[in-house]
Amino acid sequence: MSVETLEKRSTSRKLAPRYRVLLHNDDFNPMEYVVQVLMTTVPSLTQPQAVSIMMEAHHSGIALVITCAQEHAEFYCETLKNHGLTSTIEPDE
């Protein structure tokens, strides 16, 4: 078997780059509201997960909401912002 054949076999489809959706703490929104918005924005989140994310942002200033494809990350980030929350995305290194 030639080296060329081996290289072709080991070349796999590259995964789309993933992005982290981050929630920043704010002093304006009630905690219950933040939890509600997280759960409606990211349907895969359970209430305990949303509470945990909210508390992490509250105590640390920032929390990871979800890591996903860029298009989804941008959508989640914009939706959180539209509900008055502060959110950013960054590449998942």
PDB file of N, CA and C in Angstrom:
ATOM      1  N   MET A   1       0.847  -1.183   0.000  1.00  0.00           N
ATOM      2  CA  MET A   1       0.000   0.000   0.000  1.00  0.00           C
ATOM      3  C   MET A   1       0.893   1.246   0.000  1.00  0.00           C
ATOM      4  N   SER A   2       0.611   2.166  -0.867  1.00  0.00           N
ATOM      5  CA  SER A   2       1.437   3.369  -0.955  1.00  0.00           C
ATOM      6  C   SER A   2       1.049   4.368   0.140  1.00  0.00           C
ATOM      7  N   VAL A   3       1.943   5.296   0.402  1.00  0.00           N
ATOM      8  CA  VAL A   3       1.698   6.344   1.397  1.00  0.00           C
ATOM      9  C   VAL A   3       0.497   7.181   0.966  1.00  0.00           C
ATOM     10  N   GLU A   4       0.388   7.413  -0.338  1.00  0.00           N
ATOM     11  CA  GLU A   4      -0.715   8.216  -0.870  1.00  0.00           C
ATOM     12  C   GLU A   4      -2.067   7.594  -0.523  1.00  0.00           C
ATOM     13  N   THR A   5      -2.186   6.285  -0.672  1.00  0.00           N
ATOM     14  CA  THR A   5      -3.428   5.590  -0.356  1.00  0.00           C
ATOM     15  C   THR A   5      -3.771   5.740   1.132  1.00  0.00           C
ATOM     16  N   LEU A   6      -2.763   5.606   1.999  1.00  0.00           N
ATOM     17  CA  LEU A   6      -2.978   5.754   3.437  1.00  0.00           C
ATOM     18  C   LEU A   6      -3.453   7.158   3.784  1.00  0.00           C
ATOM     19  N   GLU A   7      -2.860   8.170   3.160  1.00  0.00           N
ATOM     20  CA  GLU A   7      -3.256   9.548   3.429  1.00  0.00           C
ATOM     21  C   GLU A   7      -4.708   9.805   3.036  1.00  0.00           C
ATOM     22  N   LYS A   8      -5.116   9.263   1.900  1.00  0.00           N
ATOM     23  CA  LYS A   8      -6.495   9.448   1.450  1.00  0.00           C
ATOM     24  C   LYS A   8      -7.472   8.809   2.427  1.00  0.00           C
ATOM     25  N   ARG A   9      -7.108   7.647   2.961  1.00  0.00           N
ATOM     26  CA  ARG A   9      -7.982   6.949   3.901  1.00  0.00           C
ATOM     27  C   ARG A   9      -8.126   7.701   5.217  1.00  0.00           C
ATOM     28  N   SER A  10      -7.045   8.355   5.667  1.00  0.00           N
ATOM     29  CA  SER A  10      -7.081   9.006   6.977  1.00  0.00           C
ATOM     30  C   SER A  10      -7.694  10.405   6.907  1.00  0.00           C
ATOM     31  N   THR A  11      -7.964  10.892   5.717  1.00  0.00           N
ATOM     32  CA  THR A  11      -8.583  12.206   5.584  1.00  0.00           C
ATOM     33  C   THR A  11     -10.071  12.065   5.856  1.00  0.00           C
ATOM     34  N   SER A  12     -10.506  12.639   6.962  1.00  0.00           N
ATOM     35  CA  SER A  12     -11.927  12.558   7.284  1.00  0.00           C
ATOM     36  C   SER A  12     -12.538  13.929   7.099  1.00  0.00           C
ATOM     37  N   ARG A  13     -13.863  13.948   7.028  1.00  0.00           N
ATOM     38  CA  ARG A  13     -14.588  15.197   6.867  1.00  0.00           C
ATOM     39  C   ARG A  13     -14.350  16.083   8.088  1.00  0.00           C
ATOM     40  N   LYS A  14     -13.986  17.318   7.849  1.00  0.00           N
ATOM     41  CA  LYS A  14     -13.748  18.251   8.963  1.00  0.00           C
ATOM     42  C   LYS A  14     -15.086  18.670   9.564  1.00  0.00           C
ATOM     43  N   LEU A  15     -15.122  18.730  10.896  1.00  0.00           N
ATOM     44  CA  LEU A  15     -16.333  19.182  11.572  1.00  0.00           C
ATOM     45  C   LEU A  15     -16.402  20.701  11.500  1.00  0.00           C
ATOM     46  N   ALA A  16     -17.596  21.221  11.428  1.00  0.00           N
ATOM     47  CA  ALA A  16     -17.777  22.675  11.424  1.00  0.00           C
ATOM     48  C   ALA A  16     -17.232  23.221  12.735  1.00  0.00           C
ATOM     49  N   PRO A  17     -16.570  24.375  12.674  1.00  0.00           N
ATOM     50  CA  PRO A  17     -16.047  24.948  13.926  1.00  0.00           C
ATOM     51  C   PRO A  17     -17.183  25.213  14.903  1.00  0.00           C
ATOM     52  N   ARG A  18     -16.900  24.985  16.178  1.00  0.00           N
ATOM     53  CA  ARG A  18     -17.931  25.161  17.194  1.00  0.00           C
ATOM     54  C   ARG A  18     -17.692  26.468  17.948  1.00  0.00           C
ATOM     55  N   TYR A  19     -18.793  27.021  18.438  1.00  0.00           N
ATOM     56  CA  TYR A  19     -18.742  28.306  19.135  1.00  0.00           C
ATOM     57  C   TYR A  19     -19.404  28.195  20.494  1.00  0.00           C
ATOM     58  N   ARG A  20     -18.875  28.956  21.442  1.00  0.00           N
ATOM     59  CA  ARG A  20     -19.445  29.012  22.789  1.00  0.00           C
ATOM     60  C   ARG A  20     -20.366  30.215  22.887  1.00  0.00           C
ATOM     61  N   VAL A  21     -21.552  30.000  23.404  1.00  0.00           N
ATOM     62  CA  VAL A  21     -22.487  31.090  23.684  1.00  0.00           C
ATOM     63  C   VAL A  21     -22.306  31.430  25.159  1.00  0.00           C
ATOM     64  N   LEU A  22     -21.981  32.681  25.433  1.00  0.00           N
ATOM     65  CA  LEU A  22     -21.695  33.108  26.796  1.00  0.00           C
ATOM     66  C   LEU A  22     -22.768  34.075  27.299  1.00  0.00           C
ATOM     67  N   LEU A  23     -23.164  33.883  28.543  1.00  0.00           N
ATOM     68  CA  LEU A  23     -24.114  34.776  29.208  1.00  0.00           C
ATOM     69  C   LEU A  23     -23.325  35.627  30.194  1.00  0.00           C
ATOM     70  N   HIS A  24     -23.513  36.942  30.130  1.00  0.00           N
ATOM     71  CA  HIS A  24     -22.825  37.860  31.043  1.00  0.00           C
ATOM     72  C   HIS A  24     -23.797  38.291  32.131  1.00  0.00           C
ATOM     73  N   ASN A  25     -23.261  38.488  33.315  1.00  0.00           N
ATOM     74  CA  ASN A  25     -24.096  38.930  34.434  1.00  0.00           C
ATOM     75  C   ASN A  25     -24.591  40.354  34.188  1.00  0.00           C
ATOM     76  N   ASP A  26     -25.776  40.650  34.642  1.00  0.00           N
ATOM     77  CA  ASP A  26     -26.273  42.026  34.644  1.00  0.00           C
ATOM     78  C   ASP A  26     -27.002  42.274  35.963  1.00  0.00           C
ATOM     79  N   ASP A  27     -27.175  43.528  36.287  1.00  0.00           N
ATOM     80  CA  ASP A  27     -27.835  43.887  37.550  1.00  0.00           C
ATOM     81  C   ASP A  27     -29.281  44.334  37.331  1.00  0.00           C
ATOM     82  N   PHE A  28     -29.832  44.020  36.165  1.00  0.00           N
ATOM     83  CA  PHE A  28     -31.156  44.533  35.801  1.00  0.00           C
ATOM     84  C   PHE A  28     -32.245  43.470  35.838  1.00  0.00           C
ATOM     85  N   ASN A  29     -31.950  42.295  35.286  1.00  0.00           N
ATOM     86  CA  ASN A  29     -32.992  41.273  35.124  1.00  0.00           C
ATOM     87  C   ASN A  29     -33.115  40.370  36.343  1.00  0.00           C
ATOM     88  N   PRO A  30     -34.363  40.085  36.754  1.00  0.00           N
ATOM     89  CA  PRO A  30     -34.570  39.143  37.871  1.00  0.00           C
ATOM     90  C   PRO A  30     -34.062  37.750  37.501  1.00  0.00           C
ATOM     91  N   MET A  31     -33.565  37.031  38.490  1.00  0.00           N
ATOM     92  CA  MET A  31     -32.994  35.699  38.254  1.00  0.00           C
ATOM     93  C   MET A  31     -33.996  34.753  37.592  1.00  0.00           C
ATOM     94  N   GLU A  32     -35.251  34.803  38.028  1.00  0.00           N
ATOM     95  CA  GLU A  32     -36.276  33.908  37.466  1.00  0.00           C
ATOM     96  C   GLU A  32     -36.472  34.191  35.979  1.00  0.00           C
ATOM     97  N   TYR A  33     -36.412  35.482  35.610  1.00  0.00           N
ATOM     98  CA  TYR A  33     -36.563  35.881  34.212  1.00  0.00           C
ATOM     99  C   TYR A  33     -35.420  35.314  33.365  1.00  0.00           C
ATOM    100  N   VAL A  34     -34.196  35.419  33.871  1.00  0.00           N
ATOM    101  CA  VAL A  34     -33.018  34.904  33.157  1.00  0.00           C
ATOM    102  C   VAL A  34     -33.168  33.406  32.925  1.00  0.00           C
ATOM    103  N   VAL A  35     -33.596  32.679  33.946  1.00  0.00           N
ATOM    104  CA  VAL A  35     -33.790  31.225  33.833  1.00  0.00           C
ATOM    105  C   VAL A  35     -34.844  30.923  32.761  1.00  0.00           C
ATOM    106  N   GLN A  36     -35.957  31.656  32.778  1.00  0.00           N
ATOM    107  CA  GLN A  36     -37.027  31.467  31.794  1.00  0.00           C
ATOM    108  C   GLN A  36     -36.526  31.707  30.382  1.00  0.00           C
ATOM    109  N   VAL A  37     -35.802  32.812  30.187  1.00  0.00           N
ATOM    110  CA  VAL A  37     -35.279  33.157  28.849  1.00  0.00           C
ATOM    111  C   VAL A  37     -34.301  32.086  28.369  1.00  0.00           C
ATOM    112  N   LEU A  38     -33.433  31.625  29.243  1.00  0.00           N
ATOM    113  CA  LEU A  38     -32.480  30.559  28.863  1.00  0.00           C
ATOM    114  C   LEU A  38     -33.226  29.317  28.382  1.00  0.00           C
ATOM    115  N   MET A  39     -34.259  28.927  29.121  1.00  0.00           N
ATOM    116  CA  MET A  39     -34.992  27.710  28.779  1.00  0.00           C
ATOM    117  C   MET A  39     -35.784  27.849  27.479  1.00  0.00           C
ATOM    118  N   THR A  40     -36.318  29.039  27.208  1.00  0.00           N
ATOM    119  CA  THR A  40     -37.078  29.216  25.969  1.00  0.00           C
ATOM    120  C   THR A  40     -36.144  29.416  24.777  1.00  0.00           C
ATOM    121  N   THR A  41     -34.967  30.005  25.014  1.00  0.00           N
ATOM    122  CA  THR A  41     -34.006  30.240  23.926  1.00  0.00           C
ATOM    123  C   THR A  41     -33.303  28.957  23.519  1.00  0.00           C
ATOM    124  N   VAL A  42     -32.872  28.181  24.501  1.00  0.00           N
ATOM    125  CA  VAL A  42     -32.154  26.924  24.246  1.00  0.00           C
ATOM    126  C   VAL A  42     -33.027  25.784  24.777  1.00  0.00           C
ATOM    127  N   PRO A  43     -33.903  25.237  23.898  1.00  0.00           N
ATOM    128  CA  PRO A  43     -34.885  24.235  24.346  1.00  0.00           C
ATOM    129  C   PRO A  43     -34.276  22.981  24.995  1.00  0.00           C
ATOM    130  N   SER A  44     -33.007  22.685  24.697  1.00  0.00           N
ATOM    131  CA  SER A  44     -32.388  21.488  25.280  1.00  0.00           C
ATOM    132  C   SER A  44     -32.018  21.676  26.755  1.00  0.00           C
ATOM    133  N   LEU A  45     -32.070  22.907  27.248  1.00  0.00           N
ATOM    134  CA  LEU A  45     -31.720  23.144  28.654  1.00  0.00           C
ATOM    135  C   LEU A  45     -32.865  22.761  29.585  1.00  0.00           C
ATOM    136  N   THR A  46     -32.515  22.073  30.665  1.00  0.00           N
ATOM    137  CA  THR A  46     -33.489  21.774  31.710  1.00  0.00           C
ATOM    138  C   THR A  46     -33.509  22.960  32.680  1.00  0.00           C
ATOM    139  N   GLN A  47     -34.503  22.999  33.548  1.00  0.00           N
ATOM    140  CA  GLN A  47     -34.552  24.085  34.531  1.00  0.00           C
ATOM    141  C   GLN A  47     -33.318  24.075  35.440  1.00  0.00           C
ATOM    142  N   PRO A  48     -32.898  22.924  35.978  1.00  0.00           N
ATOM    143  CA  PRO A  48     -31.689  22.936  36.825  1.00  0.00           C
ATOM    144  C   PRO A  48     -30.444  23.441  36.070  1.00  0.00           C
ATOM    145  N   GLN A  49     -30.326  23.094  34.787  1.00  0.00           N
ATOM    146  CA  GLN A  49     -29.188  23.582  33.990  1.00  0.00           C
ATOM    147  C   GLN A  49     -29.263  25.096  33.823  1.00  0.00           C
ATOM    148  N   ALA A  50     -30.460  25.607  33.523  1.00  0.00           N
ATOM    149  CA  ALA A  50     -30.638  27.044  33.343  1.00  0.00           C
ATOM    150  C   ALA A  50     -30.344  27.800  34.638  1.00  0.00           C
ATOM    151  N   VAL A  51     -30.782  27.252  35.768  1.00  0.00           N
ATOM    152  CA  VAL A  51     -30.508  27.866  37.073  1.00  0.00           C
ATOM    153  C   VAL A  51     -28.997  27.879  37.324  1.00  0.00           C
ATOM    154  N   SER A  52     -28.337  26.777  37.008  1.00  0.00           N
ATOM    155  CA  SER A  52     -26.896  26.668  37.196  1.00  0.00           C
ATOM    156  C   SER A  52     -26.140  27.696  36.350  1.00  0.00           C
ATOM    157  N   ILE A  53     -26.553  27.873  35.090  1.00  0.00           N
ATOM    158  CA  ILE A  53     -25.927  28.851  34.189  1.00  0.00           C
ATOM    159  C   ILE A  53     -26.140  30.269  34.732  1.00  0.00           C
ATOM    160  N   MET A  54     -27.373  30.554  35.142  1.00  0.00           N
ATOM    161  CA  MET A  54     -27.694  31.874  35.686  1.00  0.00           C
ATOM    162  C   MET A  54     -26.846  32.161  36.922  1.00  0.00           C
ATOM    163  N   MET A  55     -26.721  31.180  37.830  1.00  0.00           N
ATOM    164  CA  MET A  55     -25.945  31.363  39.061  1.00  0.00           C
ATOM    165  C   MET A  55     -24.458  31.545  38.759  1.00  0.00           C
ATOM    166  N   GLU A  56     -23.958  30.793  37.784  1.00  0.00           N
ATOM    167  CA  GLU A  56     -22.557  30.920  37.381  1.00  0.00           C
ATOM    168  C   GLU A  56     -22.285  32.339  36.869  1.00  0.00           C
ATOM    169  N   ALA A  57     -23.170  32.859  36.025  1.00  0.00           N
ATOM    170  CA  ALA A  57     -23.017  34.222  35.507  1.00  0.00           C
ATOM    171  C   ALA A  57     -23.110  35.234  36.655  1.00  0.00           C
ATOM    172  N   HIS A  58     -24.033  34.978  37.577  1.00  0.00           N
ATOM    173  CA  HIS A  58     -24.242  35.875  38.718  1.00  0.00           C
ATOM    174  C   HIS A  58     -22.993  35.966  39.589  1.00  0.00           C
ATOM    175  N   HIS A  59     -22.373  34.822  39.862  1.00  0.00           N
ATOM    176  CA  HIS A  59     -21.218  34.778  40.763  1.00  0.00           C
ATOM    177  C   HIS A  59     -19.888  35.070  40.071  1.00  0.00           C
ATOM    178  N   SER A  60     -19.734  34.610  38.814  1.00  0.00           N
ATOM    179  CA  SER A  60     -18.450  34.742  38.119  1.00  0.00           C
ATOM    180  C   SER A  60     -18.422  35.876  37.101  1.00  0.00           C
ATOM    181  N   GLY A  61     -19.600  36.413  36.775  1.00  0.00           N
ATOM    182  CA  GLY A  61     -19.668  37.477  35.784  1.00  0.00           C
ATOM    183  C   GLY A  61     -19.936  36.975  34.372  1.00  0.00           C
ATOM    184  N   ILE A  62     -19.705  35.668  34.161  1.00  0.00           N
ATOM    185  CA  ILE A  62     -19.910  35.088  32.820  1.00  0.00           C
ATOM    186  C   ILE A  62     -20.148  33.587  32.964  1.00  0.00           C
ATOM    187  N   ALA A  63     -20.939  33.029  32.053  1.00  0.00           N
ATOM    188  CA  ALA A  63     -21.204  31.588  32.107  1.00  0.00           C
ATOM    189  C   ALA A  63     -21.380  31.038  30.698  1.00  0.00           C
ATOM    190  N   LEU A  64     -20.962  29.802  30.514  1.00  0.00           N
ATOM    191  CA  LEU A  64     -21.156  29.102  29.249  1.00  0.00           C
ATOM    192  C   LEU A  64     -22.592  28.594  29.180  1.00  0.00           C
ATOM    193  N   VAL A  65     -23.300  28.985  28.112  1.00  0.00           N
ATOM    194  CA  VAL A  65     -24.680  28.537  27.923  1.00  0.00           C
ATOM    195  C   VAL A  65     -24.698  27.229  27.143  1.00  0.00           C
ATOM    196  N   ILE A  66     -24.039  27.227  25.971  1.00  0.00           N
ATOM    197  CA  ILE A  66     -24.018  26.052  25.100  1.00  0.00           C
ATOM    198  C   ILE A  66     -22.864  26.205  24.115  1.00  0.00           C
ATOM    199  N   THR A  67     -22.355  25.084  23.631  1.00  0.00           N
ATOM    200  CA  THR A  67     -21.349  25.076  22.574  1.00  0.00           C
ATOM    201  C   THR A  67     -21.995  24.397  21.374  1.00  0.00           C
ATOM    202  N   CYS A  68     -21.970  25.071  20.223  1.00  0.00           N
ATOM    203  CA  CYS A  68     -22.677  24.553  19.052  1.00  0.00           C
ATOM    204  C   CYS A  68     -22.098  25.161  17.768  1.00  0.00           C
ATOM    205  N   ALA A  69     -22.692  24.817  16.638  1.00  0.00           N
ATOM    206  CA  ALA A  69     -22.271  25.372  15.352  1.00  0.00           C
ATOM    207  C   ALA A  69     -22.465  26.888  15.356  1.00  0.00           C
ATOM    208  N   GLN A  70     -21.672  27.584  14.552  1.00  0.00           N
ATOM    209  CA  GLN A  70     -21.691  29.051  14.548  1.00  0.00           C
ATOM    210  C   GLN A  70     -23.078  29.629  14.280  1.00  0.00           C
ATOM    211  N   GLU A  71     -23.782  29.081  13.311  1.00  0.00           N
ATOM    212  CA  GLU A  71     -25.110  29.603  12.962  1.00  0.00           C
ATOM    213  C   GLU A  71     -26.072  29.532  14.153  1.00  0.00           C
ATOM    214  N   HIS A  72     -26.064  28.394  14.853  1.00  0.00           N
ATOM    215  CA  HIS A  72     -26.911  28.242  16.036  1.00  0.00           C
ATOM    216  C   HIS A  72     -26.459  29.180  17.149  1.00  0.00           C
ATOM    217  N   ALA A  73     -25.143  29.281  17.333  1.00  0.00           N
ATOM    218  CA  ALA A  73     -24.596  30.150  18.387  1.00  0.00           C
ATOM    219  C   ALA A  73     -25.028  31.595  18.162  1.00  0.00           C
ATOM    220  N   GLU A  74     -24.956  32.046  16.906  1.00  0.00           N
ATOM    221  CA  GLU A  74     -25.366  33.418  16.592  1.00  0.00           C
ATOM    222  C   GLU A  74     -26.852  33.618  16.874  1.00  0.00           C
ATOM    223  N   PHE A  75     -27.652  32.611  16.529  1.00  0.00           N
ATOM    224  CA  PHE A  75     -29.095  32.685  16.778  1.00  0.00           C
ATOM    225  C   PHE A  75     -29.384  32.775  18.277  1.00  0.00           C
ATOM    226  N   TYR A  76     -28.768  31.891  19.070  1.00  0.00           N
ATOM    227  CA  TYR A  76     -28.993  31.903  20.517  1.00  0.00           C
ATOM    228  C   TYR A  76     -28.557  33.232  21.124  1.00  0.00           C
ATOM    229  N   CYS A  77     -27.398  33.710  20.707  1.00  0.00           N
ATOM    230  CA  CYS A  77     -26.854  34.966  21.229  1.00  0.00           C
ATOM    231  C   CYS A  77     -27.809  36.126  20.924  1.00  0.00           C
ATOM    232  N   GLU A  78     -28.268  36.216  19.687  1.00  0.00           N
ATOM    233  CA  GLU A  78     -29.192  37.285  19.291  1.00  0.00           C
ATOM    234  C   GLU A  78     -30.508  37.186  20.054  1.00  0.00           C
ATOM    235  N   THR A  79     -31.019  35.967  20.230  1.00  0.00           N
ATOM    236  CA  THR A  79     -32.282  35.772  20.946  1.00  0.00           C
ATOM    237  C   THR A  79     -32.142  36.206  22.404  1.00  0.00           C
ATOM    238  N   LEU A  80     -31.031  35.854  23.035  1.00  0.00           N
ATOM    239  CA  LEU A  80     -30.798  36.284  24.420  1.00  0.00           C
ATOM    240  C   LEU A  80     -30.749  37.808  24.490  1.00  0.00           C
ATOM    241  N   LYS A  81     -30.053  38.424  23.540  1.00  0.00           N
ATOM    242  CA  LYS A  81     -29.961  39.895  23.504  1.00  0.00           C
ATOM    243  C   LYS A  81     -31.338  40.527  23.296  1.00  0.00           C
ATOM    244  N   ASN A  82     -32.151  39.921  22.431  1.00  0.00           N
ATOM    245  CA  ASN A  82     -33.496  40.446  22.169  1.00  0.00           C
ATOM    246  C   ASN A  82     -34.383  40.406  23.412  1.00  0.00           C
ATOM    247  N   HIS A  83     -34.031  39.536  24.360  1.00  0.00           N
ATOM    248  CA  HIS A  83     -34.776  39.454  25.626  1.00  0.00           C
ATOM    249  C   HIS A  83     -34.109  40.290  26.725  1.00  0.00           C
ATOM    250  N   GLY A  84     -33.154  41.125  26.334  1.00  0.00           N
ATOM    251  CA  GLY A  84     -32.548  42.046  27.293  1.00  0.00           C
ATOM    252  C   GLY A  84     -31.371  41.491  28.073  1.00  0.00           C
ATOM    253  N   LEU A  85     -30.875  40.306  27.681  1.00  0.00           N
ATOM    254  CA  LEU A  85     -29.718  39.728  28.363  1.00  0.00           C
ATOM    255  C   LEU A  85     -28.445  40.064  27.579  1.00  0.00           C
ATOM    256  N   THR A  86     -27.313  40.072  28.267  1.00  0.00           N
ATOM    257  CA  THR A  86     -26.047  40.335  27.607  1.00  0.00           C
ATOM    258  C   THR A  86     -25.395  39.000  27.261  1.00  0.00           C
ATOM    259  N   SER A  87     -25.109  38.817  25.963  1.00  0.00           N
ATOM    260  CA  SER A  87     -24.560  37.558  25.500  1.00  0.00           C
ATOM    261  C   SER A  87     -23.543  37.811  24.393  1.00  0.00           C
ATOM    262  N   THR A  88     -22.521  36.970  24.346  1.00  0.00           N
ATOM    263  CA  THR A  88     -21.522  37.027  23.277  1.00  0.00           C
ATOM    264  C   THR A  88     -21.234  35.594  22.827  1.00  0.00           C
ATOM    265  N   ILE A  89     -20.561  35.476  21.667  1.00  0.00           N
ATOM    266  CA  ILE A  89     -20.077  34.161  21.259  1.00  0.00           C
ATOM    267  C   ILE A  89     -18.584  34.249  21.012  1.00  0.00           C
ATOM    268  N   GLU A  90     -17.917  33.107  21.131  1.00  0.00           N
ATOM    269  CA  GLU A  90     -16.490  33.029  20.836  1.00  0.00           C
ATOM    270  C   GLU A  90     -16.192  31.637  20.310  1.00  0.00           C
ATOM    271  N   PRO A  91     -15.149  31.531  19.471  1.00  0.00           N
ATOM    272  CA  PRO A  91     -14.782  30.189  18.961  1.00  0.00           C
ATOM    273  C   PRO A  91     -14.413  29.266  20.114  1.00  0.00           C
ATOM    274  N   ASP A  92     -14.797  28.008  20.005  1.00  0.00           N
ATOM    275  CA  ASP A  92     -14.449  27.003  21.010  1.00  0.00           C
ATOM    276  C   ASP A  92     -13.098  26.444  20.622  1.00  0.00           C
ATOM    277  N   GLU A  93     -12.065  26.867  21.336  1.00  0.00           N
ATOM    278  CA  GLU A  93     -10.678  26.446  20.991  1.00  0.00           C
ATOM    279  C   GLU A  93     -10.474  24.983  21.308  1.00  0.00           C
TER     280      GLU A  93
END
